Protein backbone atom coordinates (compact mmCIF):
# COMPACT_ATOMS: atom_id res chain seq x y z
CA MET A 1 -6.30 -8.31 -12.36
CA SER A 2 -5.13 -6.59 -9.29
CA PHE A 3 -1.65 -6.48 -8.11
CA GLU A 4 -2.49 -8.55 -4.94
CA LYS A 5 -4.14 -11.13 -7.01
CA LYS A 6 -1.22 -11.53 -9.38
CA ILE A 7 1.05 -11.93 -6.32
CA SER A 8 -1.21 -14.43 -4.66
CA VAL A 9 -1.23 -16.50 -7.85
CA VAL A 10 2.42 -16.44 -8.54
CA LYS A 11 3.25 -17.33 -5.01
CA LEU A 12 0.77 -20.32 -5.02
CA TYR A 13 2.28 -21.62 -8.28
CA LEU A 14 5.82 -21.22 -6.89
CA SER A 15 5.03 -22.80 -3.63
CA SER A 16 3.12 -25.85 -5.00
CA GLU A 17 3.43 -28.40 -7.83
CA ILE A 18 0.23 -27.35 -9.50
CA SER A 19 0.25 -26.74 -13.23
CA TYR A 20 -0.71 -23.53 -14.87
CA GLN A 21 -4.01 -25.01 -16.27
CA ASP A 22 -5.12 -26.29 -12.86
CA LEU A 23 -4.13 -23.15 -11.11
CA ALA A 24 -6.07 -21.18 -13.59
CA ILE A 25 -9.12 -23.30 -13.13
CA GLN A 26 -8.84 -23.11 -9.31
CA GLU A 27 -8.41 -19.21 -9.52
CA GLY A 28 -10.98 -18.60 -12.10
CA ILE A 29 -8.50 -17.44 -14.75
CA SER A 30 -9.52 -17.91 -18.20
CA ASN A 31 -6.01 -18.00 -19.73
CA PRO A 32 -3.42 -20.03 -18.00
CA SER A 33 -0.58 -18.59 -20.15
CA MET A 34 -1.20 -15.28 -18.16
CA ILE A 35 -0.01 -17.19 -15.16
CA CYS A 36 3.09 -18.24 -17.02
CA SER A 37 3.75 -14.74 -18.09
CA TRP A 38 3.42 -13.54 -14.49
CA VAL A 39 5.69 -16.05 -13.23
CA ASN A 40 8.36 -15.31 -15.87
CA LEU A 41 8.13 -11.59 -15.21
CA PHE A 42 8.43 -12.13 -11.43
CA ARG A 43 11.44 -14.36 -11.79
CA ALA A 44 13.15 -11.77 -14.22
CA VAL A 45 12.26 -8.56 -12.65
CA GLY A 46 10.60 -9.02 -9.31
CA LEU A 47 7.34 -7.59 -7.73
CA ASP A 48 7.54 -4.54 -9.59
CA ALA A 49 6.89 -6.21 -13.01
CA LEU A 50 3.41 -7.19 -11.69
CA LYS A 51 2.33 -3.76 -10.90
CA PRO A 52 -0.16 -2.09 -13.15
CA ASN A 53 1.04 0.30 -15.77
CA GLN A 54 -0.76 3.54 -16.46
CA LYS A 55 -2.33 3.28 -19.91
CA GLY A 56 -3.58 6.13 -22.24
CA ARG A 57 -2.11 9.51 -23.24
CA LYS A 58 -0.35 11.86 -20.85
CA LYS A 59 -2.51 14.73 -19.51
CA LYS A 60 -2.03 17.95 -21.22
CA LEU A 61 -0.80 21.02 -19.46
CA ASP A 62 -3.59 23.27 -18.05
CA LYS A 63 -3.98 26.61 -20.04
CA HIS A 64 -3.72 28.32 -16.53
CA LYS A 65 -0.37 26.92 -15.94
CA ILE A 66 0.88 27.82 -19.33
CA ASP A 67 -0.27 31.38 -18.88
CA ILE A 68 1.48 31.58 -15.50
CA LYS A 69 4.71 30.35 -16.86
CA ALA A 70 4.54 32.84 -19.84
CA LYS A 71 4.16 35.76 -17.37
CA GLU A 72 7.06 34.59 -15.33
CA THR A 73 9.29 34.51 -18.41
CA GLU A 74 8.05 37.90 -19.39
CA GLU A 75 9.09 39.43 -16.01
CA ILE A 76 12.61 38.06 -16.35
CA ILE A 77 13.49 40.58 -19.32
CA VAL A 78 16.99 42.02 -18.89
CA ASP A 79 17.84 45.47 -20.12
CA THR A 80 20.80 45.12 -22.46
CA SER A 81 20.89 48.61 -23.82
CA ALA A 82 24.19 50.66 -24.10
CA GLU A 83 23.28 52.99 -21.29
CA HIS A 84 22.52 50.14 -18.95
CA VAL A 85 25.77 48.22 -19.70
CA LYS A 86 27.82 51.39 -19.21
CA GLU A 87 26.05 52.09 -15.90
CA TYR A 88 26.92 48.38 -14.76
CA TYR A 89 30.67 48.69 -15.62
CA ASN A 90 31.20 52.20 -14.14
């Protein structure tokens, strides 16, 4: 169900004295308890609660990006030899 449709149904429920069952029939929603859930979420959290959540696994990093990061860290190698340290402090 789209975000806009959820908002529309919740607003319709809150602005009228229609039951969840009658509203579900009117809007073509097969499960009236979904409307109840949306209304409760809206009352508790607000509009953000009705926004769709991303499902599934997070995308893996591209191998190309991993290789670039590895090269960047290789370039940051610091010379800690005794001669270099002596030169730095002299």
